[in-house]
Protein backbone atom coordinates (compact mmCIF):
# COMPACT_ATOMS: atom_id res chain seq x y z
CA UNK A 1 164.80 29.45 -0.33
CA UNK A 2 161.82 31.95 -0.54
CA UNK A 3 159.39 29.85 1.14
CA UNK A 4 162.10 29.35 4.09
CA UNK A 5 162.11 33.30 4.41
CA UNK A 6 158.34 33.58 4.57
CA UNK A 7 158.27 30.89 7.28
CA UNK A 8 161.15 32.55 9.29
CA UNK A 9 159.09 35.81 8.93
CA UNK A 10 155.94 34.30 9.88
CA UNK A 11 157.67 32.97 13.26
CA UNK A 12 159.15 36.10 14.22
CA UNK A 13 155.87 37.88 13.92
CA UNK A 14 154.19 35.40 15.99
CA UNK A 15 157.03 35.57 18.54
CA UNK A 16 156.78 39.30 18.74
CA UNK A 17 152.86 39.03 19.14
CA UNK A 18 153.33 36.37 22.00
CA UNK A 19 155.76 38.39 23.71
CA UNK A 20 154.10 41.76 23.55
CA UNK A 21 151.50 40.87 26.67
CA UNK A 22 155.09 40.16 28.60
CA UNK A 23 157.22 43.05 27.57
CA UNK A 24 156.63 46.88 28.53
CA UNK A 25 158.59 49.50 26.70
CA UNK A 26 159.45 52.86 28.08
CA UNK A 27 160.93 55.68 26.30
CA UNK A 28 163.19 56.90 29.45
CA UNK A 29 165.22 54.80 32.16
CA UNK A 30 162.94 53.21 34.64
CA UNK A 31 162.72 55.19 37.96
CA UNK A 32 162.21 53.35 41.25
CA UNK A 33 158.66 54.34 41.33
CA UNK A 34 158.04 52.76 38.27
CA UNK A 35 158.86 49.15 39.23
CA UNK A 36 155.61 47.33 40.33
CA UNK A 37 155.65 43.73 41.45
CA UNK A 38 152.43 41.92 40.47
CA UNK A 39 151.71 38.85 42.31
CA UNK A 40 148.90 36.59 41.11
CA UNK A 41 145.92 36.69 43.50
CA UNK A 42 145.06 33.11 44.77
CA UNK A 43 142.71 34.23 47.80
CA UNK A 44 139.02 34.31 48.48
CA UNK A 45 139.41 38.26 48.24
CA UNK A 46 139.81 37.68 44.49
CA UNK A 47 136.25 37.77 43.79
CA UNK A 48 135.89 41.27 45.01
CA UNK A 49 134.52 40.29 48.70
CA UNK A 50 135.79 42.66 51.45
CA UNK A 51 138.74 41.46 53.67
CA UNK A 52 137.64 39.47 56.72
CA UNK A 53 137.14 41.30 59.70
CA UNK A 54 139.89 41.04 62.52
CA UNK A 55 138.62 38.62 65.58
CA UNK A 56 137.65 40.58 68.70
CA UNK A 57 140.34 40.73 71.57
CA UNK A 58 139.72 38.10 74.31
CA UNK A 59 137.68 39.49 77.15
CA UNK A 60 139.53 41.07 79.86
CA UNK A 61 138.17 40.79 82.92
CA UNK A 62 139.47 43.62 85.48
CA UNK A 63 141.37 42.48 88.46
CA UNK A 64 139.74 40.69 91.50
CA UNK A 65 139.13 42.59 94.65
CA UNK A 66 137.25 40.29 96.61
CA UNK A 67 136.24 36.64 96.81
CA UNK A 68 133.22 34.51 97.49
CA UNK A 69 132.03 30.94 97.55
CA UNK A 70 129.03 29.06 97.72
CA UNK A 71 128.19 25.40 98.12
CA UNK A 72 129.17 24.89 94.39
CA UNK A 73 129.79 28.30 92.78
CA UNK A 74 132.35 31.00 93.21
CA UNK A 75 131.90 34.88 92.74
CA UNK A 76 134.51 37.58 92.56
CA UNK A 77 134.04 41.33 92.78
CA UNK A 78 136.41 43.02 90.26
CA UNK A 79 138.02 46.48 90.16
CA UNK A 80 135.30 48.24 88.15
CA UNK A 81 132.72 47.21 90.75
CA UNK A 82 131.26 44.42 88.68
CA UNK A 83 130.68 40.93 90.09
CA UNK A 84 131.66 37.93 88.20
CA UNK A 85 130.40 34.33 88.93
CA UNK A 86 130.89 30.65 87.75
CA UNK A 87 129.93 27.31 88.79
CA UNK A 88 126.36 25.62 89.36
CA UNK A 89 123.27 27.95 88.57
CA UNK A 90 120.37 25.58 89.27
CA UNK A 91 119.08 28.26 91.76
CA UNK A 92 119.84 31.16 89.95
CA UNK A 93 122.87 31.75 92.18
CA UNK A 94 124.70 33.12 89.37
CA UNK A 95 122.55 35.79 88.73
CA UNK A 96 121.33 35.23 85.16
CA UNK A 97 124.61 34.68 83.86
CA UNK A 98 123.77 31.43 82.37
CA UNK A 99 121.30 28.60 82.90
CA UNK A 100 122.43 25.31 84.25
CA UNK A 101 126.30 26.03 84.91
CA UNK A 102 128.94 28.58 83.56
CA UNK A 103 132.45 27.07 83.50
CA UNK A 104 134.01 30.51 82.93
CA UNK A 105 133.50 33.55 84.89
CA UNK A 106 130.65 35.68 83.58
CA UNK A 107 129.41 39.17 84.66
CA UNK A 108 126.47 39.41 86.56
CA UNK A 109 123.99 41.57 84.72
CA UNK A 110 121.43 44.28 85.85
CA UNK A 111 123.65 45.41 88.91
CA UNK A 112 124.79 48.91 89.89
CA UNK A 113 128.33 49.59 90.76
CA UNK A 114 129.30 46.85 93.89
CA UNK A 115 131.90 47.05 96.53
CA UNK A 116 131.21 43.65 98.18
CA UNK A 117 130.34 40.03 97.42
CA UNK A 118 129.28 37.25 99.72
CA UNK A 119 127.94 33.69 99.05
CA UNK A 120 126.61 30.52 100.67
CA UNK A 121 124.70 27.61 100.16
CA UNK A 122 122.85 28.35 96.67
CA UNK A 123 122.66 32.19 97.16
CA UNK A 124 124.81 35.29 96.50
CA UNK A 125 124.73 38.79 97.74
CA UNK A 126 126.46 41.95 96.74
CA UNK A 127 126.52 45.39 98.43
CA UNK A 128 125.97 48.47 96.22
CA UNK A 129 128.70 51.22 96.72
CA UNK A 130 126.32 54.27 96.40
CA UNK A 131 123.86 53.21 99.43
CA UNK A 132 125.40 50.17 100.89
CA UNK A 133 122.30 48.14 100.17
CA UNK A 134 122.10 44.56 99.70
CA UNK A 135 121.29 42.82 96.77
CA UNK A 136 120.58 39.08 96.83
CA UNK A 137 119.96 36.36 94.29
CA UNK A 138 119.57 32.61 94.16
CA UNK A 139 118.04 30.56 97.17
CA UNK A 140 117.97 33.11 99.74
CA UNK A 141 115.26 31.94 102.12
CA UNK A 142 113.50 35.37 101.57
CA UNK A 143 110.10 35.88 100.18
CA UNK A 144 110.26 36.53 96.39
CA UNK A 145 109.91 40.23 96.52
CA UNK A 146 111.94 41.64 94.01
CA UNK A 147 112.51 45.18 92.92
CA UNK A 148 114.99 44.36 90.39
CA UNK A 149 115.26 41.94 87.40
CA UNK A 150 116.33 39.14 89.26
CA UNK A 151 117.56 40.27 92.77
CA UNK A 152 116.04 40.89 95.98
CA UNK A 153 116.89 44.25 97.19
CA UNK A 154 116.93 44.57 101.10
CA UNK A 155 116.09 47.66 102.38
CA UNK A 156 118.70 48.39 104.71
CA UNK A 157 121.61 50.77 103.99
CA UNK A 158 125.26 50.69 105.18
CA UNK A 159 125.57 46.97 105.31
CA UNK A 160 129.16 46.27 106.46
CA UNK A 161 129.16 42.63 107.08
CA UNK A 162 127.29 39.59 105.48
CA UNK A 163 127.46 35.89 106.25
CA UNK A 164 125.34 33.18 104.27
CA UNK A 165 124.53 29.64 104.63
CA UNK A 166 121.94 27.06 103.01
CA UNK A 167 118.78 29.38 102.98
CA UNK A 168 120.03 31.29 105.77
CA UNK A 169 121.92 34.59 106.29
CA UNK A 170 122.87 37.50 108.61
CA UNK A 171 123.98 40.99 107.89
CA UNK A 172 125.32 43.62 110.21
CA UNK A 173 124.96 47.31 109.47
CA UNK A 174 127.18 50.36 110.01
CA UNK A 175 125.95 50.73 113.63
CA UNK A 176 126.51 47.39 114.54
CA UNK A 177 122.98 46.02 114.40
CA UNK A 178 122.83 42.41 113.35
CA UNK A 179 119.71 41.14 111.08
CA UNK A 180 119.13 37.64 110.26
CA UNK A 181 116.76 35.55 108.27
CA UNK A 182 115.81 32.13 106.87
CA UNK A 183 114.86 28.78 108.04
CA UNK A 184 117.31 27.24 110.80
CA UNK A 185 115.30 23.53 110.98
CA UNK A 186 112.57 24.05 113.58
CA UNK A 187 112.31 23.01 116.19
CA UNK A 188 115.90 23.49 116.70
CA UNK A 189 116.14 27.05 115.37
CA UNK A 190 114.13 29.76 114.36
CA UNK A 191 112.33 30.80 111.28
CA UNK A 192 112.52 33.88 109.92
CA UNK A 193 111.08 35.01 106.58
CA UNK A 194 112.28 38.51 106.76
CA UNK A 195 115.52 40.04 108.29
CA UNK A 196 115.02 40.10 112.31
CA UNK A 197 117.07 42.34 114.51
CA UNK A 198 119.11 39.71 116.82
CA UNK A 199 120.57 40.60 120.22
CA UNK A 200 124.12 40.43 119.12
CA UNK A 201 125.58 43.99 118.41
CA UNK A 202 128.76 44.77 116.59
CA UNK A 203 130.11 41.04 116.26
CA UNK A 204 133.73 40.67 115.13
CA UNK A 205 132.39 38.10 112.72
CA UNK A 206 129.21 35.96 111.79
CA UNK A 207 129.98 32.03 111.06
CA UNK A 208 127.37 30.20 108.60
CA UNK A 209 127.05 26.35 108.43
CA UNK A 210 124.31 24.50 106.92
CA UNK A 211 121.30 25.08 109.45
CA UNK A 212 123.33 26.91 112.00
CA UNK A 213 124.93 30.47 112.43
CA UNK A 214 127.40 31.82 115.12
CA UNK A 215 128.45 35.16 116.21
CA UNK A 216 132.01 35.66 117.33
CA UNK A 217 131.57 38.40 119.86
CA UNK A 218 134.12 41.26 121.00
CA UNK A 219 134.77 39.39 124.33
CA UNK A 220 135.96 36.42 122.42
CA UNK A 221 132.81 34.08 122.81
CA UNK A 222 130.96 32.07 120.50
CA UNK A 223 127.28 32.43 120.58
CA UNK A 224 125.30 30.19 117.98
CA UNK A 225 121.50 29.81 116.84
CA UNK A 226 119.72 26.91 114.82
CA UNK A 227 121.25 23.45 114.99
CA UNK A 228 122.97 22.91 118.37
CA UNK A 229 126.27 21.46 118.75
CA UNK A 230 125.35 18.34 120.25
CA UNK A 231 128.95 16.89 121.06
CA UNK A 232 129.88 19.92 123.32
CA UNK A 233 128.25 21.60 126.18
CA UNK A 234 126.37 24.87 125.79
CA UNK A 235 124.55 27.39 127.71
CA UNK A 236 121.24 29.17 126.54
CA UNK A 237 121.45 32.85 126.65
CA UNK A 238 117.80 33.94 125.77
CA UNK A 239 115.38 32.74 123.00
CA UNK A 240 117.33 30.33 120.20
CA UNK A 241 120.70 31.73 121.23
CA UNK A 242 123.24 29.51 123.00
CA UNK A 243 126.87 30.06 124.21
CA UNK A 244 129.48 27.31 123.26
CA UNK A 245 131.10 26.44 126.65
CA UNK A 246 135.01 26.59 126.58
CA UNK A 247 135.59 29.29 124.27
CA UNK A 248 137.16 32.60 125.40
CA UNK A 249 139.40 35.01 124.03
CA UNK A 250 138.99 34.01 120.37
CA UNK A 251 140.11 36.41 117.83
CA UNK A 252 139.16 34.36 114.79
CA UNK A 253 136.93 31.47 114.34
CA UNK A 254 135.21 28.88 111.76
CA UNK A 255 132.68 26.29 111.76
CA UNK A 256 132.15 23.77 109.05
CA UNK A 257 129.76 24.19 106.07
CA UNK A 258 128.16 21.10 106.82
CA UNK A 259 126.59 19.81 110.07
CA UNK A 260 129.59 18.77 111.67
CA UNK A 261 129.96 19.88 115.21
CA UNK A 262 133.39 21.13 115.11
CA UNK A 263 135.10 24.70 115.74
CA UNK A 264 138.49 26.07 115.06
CA UNK A 265 139.50 29.25 116.83
CA UNK A 266 142.70 31.27 116.90
CA UNK A 267 143.32 33.09 120.32
CA UNK A 268 144.91 36.60 121.00
CA UNK A 269 148.22 35.13 120.93
CA UNK A 270 147.72 34.05 117.52
CA UNK A 271 147.67 30.15 118.24
CA UNK A 272 145.50 27.91 116.49
CA UNK A 273 143.05 25.41 118.15
CA UNK A 274 140.53 22.89 117.29
CA UNK A 275 137.68 21.63 119.37
CA UNK A 276 137.41 18.18 120.91
CA UNK A 277 134.90 16.64 123.56
CA UNK A 278 136.13 17.19 127.01
CA UNK A 279 136.42 14.72 129.77
CA UNK A 280 133.17 13.38 131.40
CA UNK A 281 133.24 13.63 135.51
CA UNK A 282 131.23 11.76 137.48
CA UNK A 283 128.83 14.59 137.60
CA UNK A 284 128.51 15.03 134.20
CA UNK A 285 127.89 11.48 133.38
CA UNK A 286 125.00 11.42 130.75
CA UNK A 287 125.30 14.82 129.86
CA UNK A 288 127.06 16.56 127.08
CA UNK A 289 130.97 16.85 127.86
CA UNK A 290 132.42 20.24 127.67
CA UNK A 291 134.65 21.09 124.89
CA UNK A 292 138.39 21.07 125.04
CA UNK A 293 140.54 22.93 122.57
CA UNK A 294 143.54 21.17 121.19
CA UNK A 295 146.61 23.12 119.82
CA UNK A 296 147.19 22.91 116.14
CA UNK A 297 150.97 23.35 115.58
CA UNK A 298 152.64 24.56 112.21
CA UNK A 299 150.70 27.70 111.44
CA UNK A 300 152.20 31.28 112.59
CA UNK A 301 150.52 34.56 112.22
CA UNK A 302 147.18 33.54 110.98
CA UNK A 303 145.04 36.23 109.32
CA UNK A 304 142.00 34.49 107.79
CA UNK A 305 140.36 31.25 108.79
CA UNK A 306 137.66 29.42 106.80
CA UNK A 307 135.72 26.15 106.89
CA UNK A 308 134.27 24.10 104.18
CA UNK A 309 132.58 20.60 104.69
CA UNK A 310 134.87 18.94 106.68
CA UNK A 311 138.16 20.85 105.81
CA UNK A 312 139.80 24.07 106.88
CA UNK A 313 142.25 26.52 105.26
CA UNK A 314 144.23 29.45 106.98
CA UNK A 315 145.86 32.43 105.18
CA UNK A 316 148.83 33.93 107.07
CA UNK A 317 149.88 37.56 107.17
CA UNK A 318 153.02 36.41 104.92
CA UNK A 319 150.20 35.51 102.32
CA UNK A 320 150.58 31.68 102.47
CA UNK A 321 147.92 28.90 102.49
CA UNK A 322 147.68 26.12 104.60
CA UNK A 323 144.76 23.55 104.74
CA UNK A 324 143.77 20.20 106.31
CA UNK A 325 140.81 17.83 106.88
CA UNK A 326 138.95 15.86 104.26
CA UNK A 327 140.42 15.77 100.85
CA UNK A 328 138.45 13.25 98.55
CA UNK A 329 138.03 15.83 95.97
CA UNK A 330 141.50 17.52 96.17
CA UNK A 331 140.10 20.39 98.27
CA UNK A 332 143.29 20.72 100.43
CA UNK A 333 145.18 21.98 97.25
CA UNK A 334 148.22 19.89 98.15
CA UNK A 335 148.21 17.88 94.80
CA UNK A 336 146.83 14.82 96.43
CA UNK A 337 143.58 13.29 97.58
CA UNK A 338 144.75 12.20 101.09
CA UNK A 339 143.47 13.52 104.10
CA UNK A 340 145.52 15.61 106.39
CA UNK A 341 145.00 15.80 110.27
CA UNK A 342 147.47 19.05 110.32
CA UNK A 343 147.89 21.98 108.07
CA UNK A 344 149.78 21.70 104.86
CA UNK A 345 151.17 24.41 102.97
CA UNK A 346 150.28 24.96 99.55
CA UNK A 347 152.31 25.98 96.46
CA UNK A 348 150.99 29.61 96.39
CA UNK A 349 152.45 33.04 97.65
CA UNK A 350 151.38 36.60 97.80
CA UNK A 351 147.73 35.58 98.41
CA UNK A 352 145.67 38.53 99.68
CA UNK A 353 142.19 36.50 100.41
CA UNK A 354 140.90 32.76 100.50
CA UNK A 355 137.14 31.60 100.08
CA UNK A 356 135.86 28.01 100.68
CA UNK A 357 132.77 26.29 99.32
CA UNK A 358 131.48 22.99 100.14
CA UNK A 359 134.42 21.01 98.66
CA UNK A 360 136.52 23.38 96.88
CA UNK A 361 138.47 26.63 97.54
CA UNK A 362 139.71 29.70 95.81
CA UNK A 363 142.48 32.13 96.41
CA UNK A 364 143.27 35.57 94.90
CA UNK A 365 146.29 38.25 94.73
CA UNK A 366 146.08 41.57 93.07
CA UNK A 367 145.48 40.30 89.69
CA UNK A 368 144.57 36.49 89.57
CA UNK A 369 142.18 33.91 91.01
CA UNK A 370 143.21 30.18 91.78
CA UNK A 371 140.95 27.51 92.68
CA UNK A 372 140.91 23.82 93.62
CA UNK A 373 138.91 20.94 94.74
CA UNK A 374 135.64 19.61 93.48
CA UNK A 375 134.76 20.85 90.07
CA UNK A 376 131.49 19.01 89.48
CA UNK A 377 129.35 21.94 88.68
CA UNK A 378 132.35 24.19 87.37
CA UNK A 379 132.95 25.78 90.67
CA UNK A 380 136.73 25.90 90.01
CA UNK A 381 136.45 27.35 86.69
CA UNK A 382 137.59 24.73 84.36
CA UNK A 383 135.84 23.27 81.35
CA UNK A 384 135.98 19.70 82.41
CA UNK A 385 134.20 17.63 85.50
CA UNK A 386 136.75 16.22 87.50
CA UNK A 387 138.70 17.00 90.71
CA UNK A 388 141.46 19.60 90.63
CA UNK A 389 143.98 18.75 93.54
CA UNK A 390 146.26 21.78 92.66
CA UNK A 391 145.63 25.48 92.78
CA UNK A 392 144.74 26.11 89.00
CA UNK A 393 144.40 29.62 87.60
CA UNK A 394 140.86 30.73 86.60
CA UNK A 395 140.37 31.86 82.89
CA UNK A 396 140.81 35.56 83.68
């Protein structure tokens, strides 16, 4: 009996000792503030390491205000005066954003606040807000006399209009004076290593092809220099300049970015026309026939007209977009790869501007950019090399 009592006492003592680490005794009723829930630590911070930093928020690019498309690259001027570019960069046309190519829009470094951007061929130009001077980079056709880290700064202030092609370019200043530069493929055109004043004042627009540029004049005529339009009749108007026969009263015009001899115009009544060879007469046999303008139906109120390499797009005053022509890379944006002889409207609305490259196109509203067509160099802004037949948002 005594041994049983000793064993029981020993067990009771051991039980109380074992529970002592699990039981808290208080001399007063527990208040709400005294109740603490202890959860065993199982994470990596248990060893005393500081907590992991929050991941940085994704880059937020300001809203786009202007678009530009070169042969295989695209740029956008944004609300804070910066310039973002993406696509091919083998000629420095992205402005040191990234060597090779950049799939995602990157801000061009080293620029002051800008208020305009243009692209063509493998070059890009932007206009400084403070003085209107032009900064250009890439394969510009200008001598490599750089004042900045990467860009040639042209000593012309108050630039109002710019048009760029393949190693050629033109700008119009606030006084309406036109200056052009580049190699227009001798003997068919001039070769100007520095900007030269040309005898075309206050043009409505300058149009750029591969080795040809044209000016839409105030009278609605089209004057060109560089590679001649051999399919159509033209009249020399002095030096390397010639007037395209059969075009009068045009308010908008576009020529292909390649060497195709084609012209699209809009007349004063808002009607769209495409150029076709006219009929030969007995007197003109053996000579270039005149140009005939054939109407293009289905587009009302054209507000912007642009050309790629064998395809055309028009933006209407209502903010819709229609395209036609070649479509091997989906550059018409209608979801197919079939060529169209007549304008086909895209699934876009509220568009404020369009820009066309060689085989790709882009559009923007007040907040977003969409691109479609060839993405072989990342010019559509997608991280894949393929054709994009539908308007697709650029990662913004």
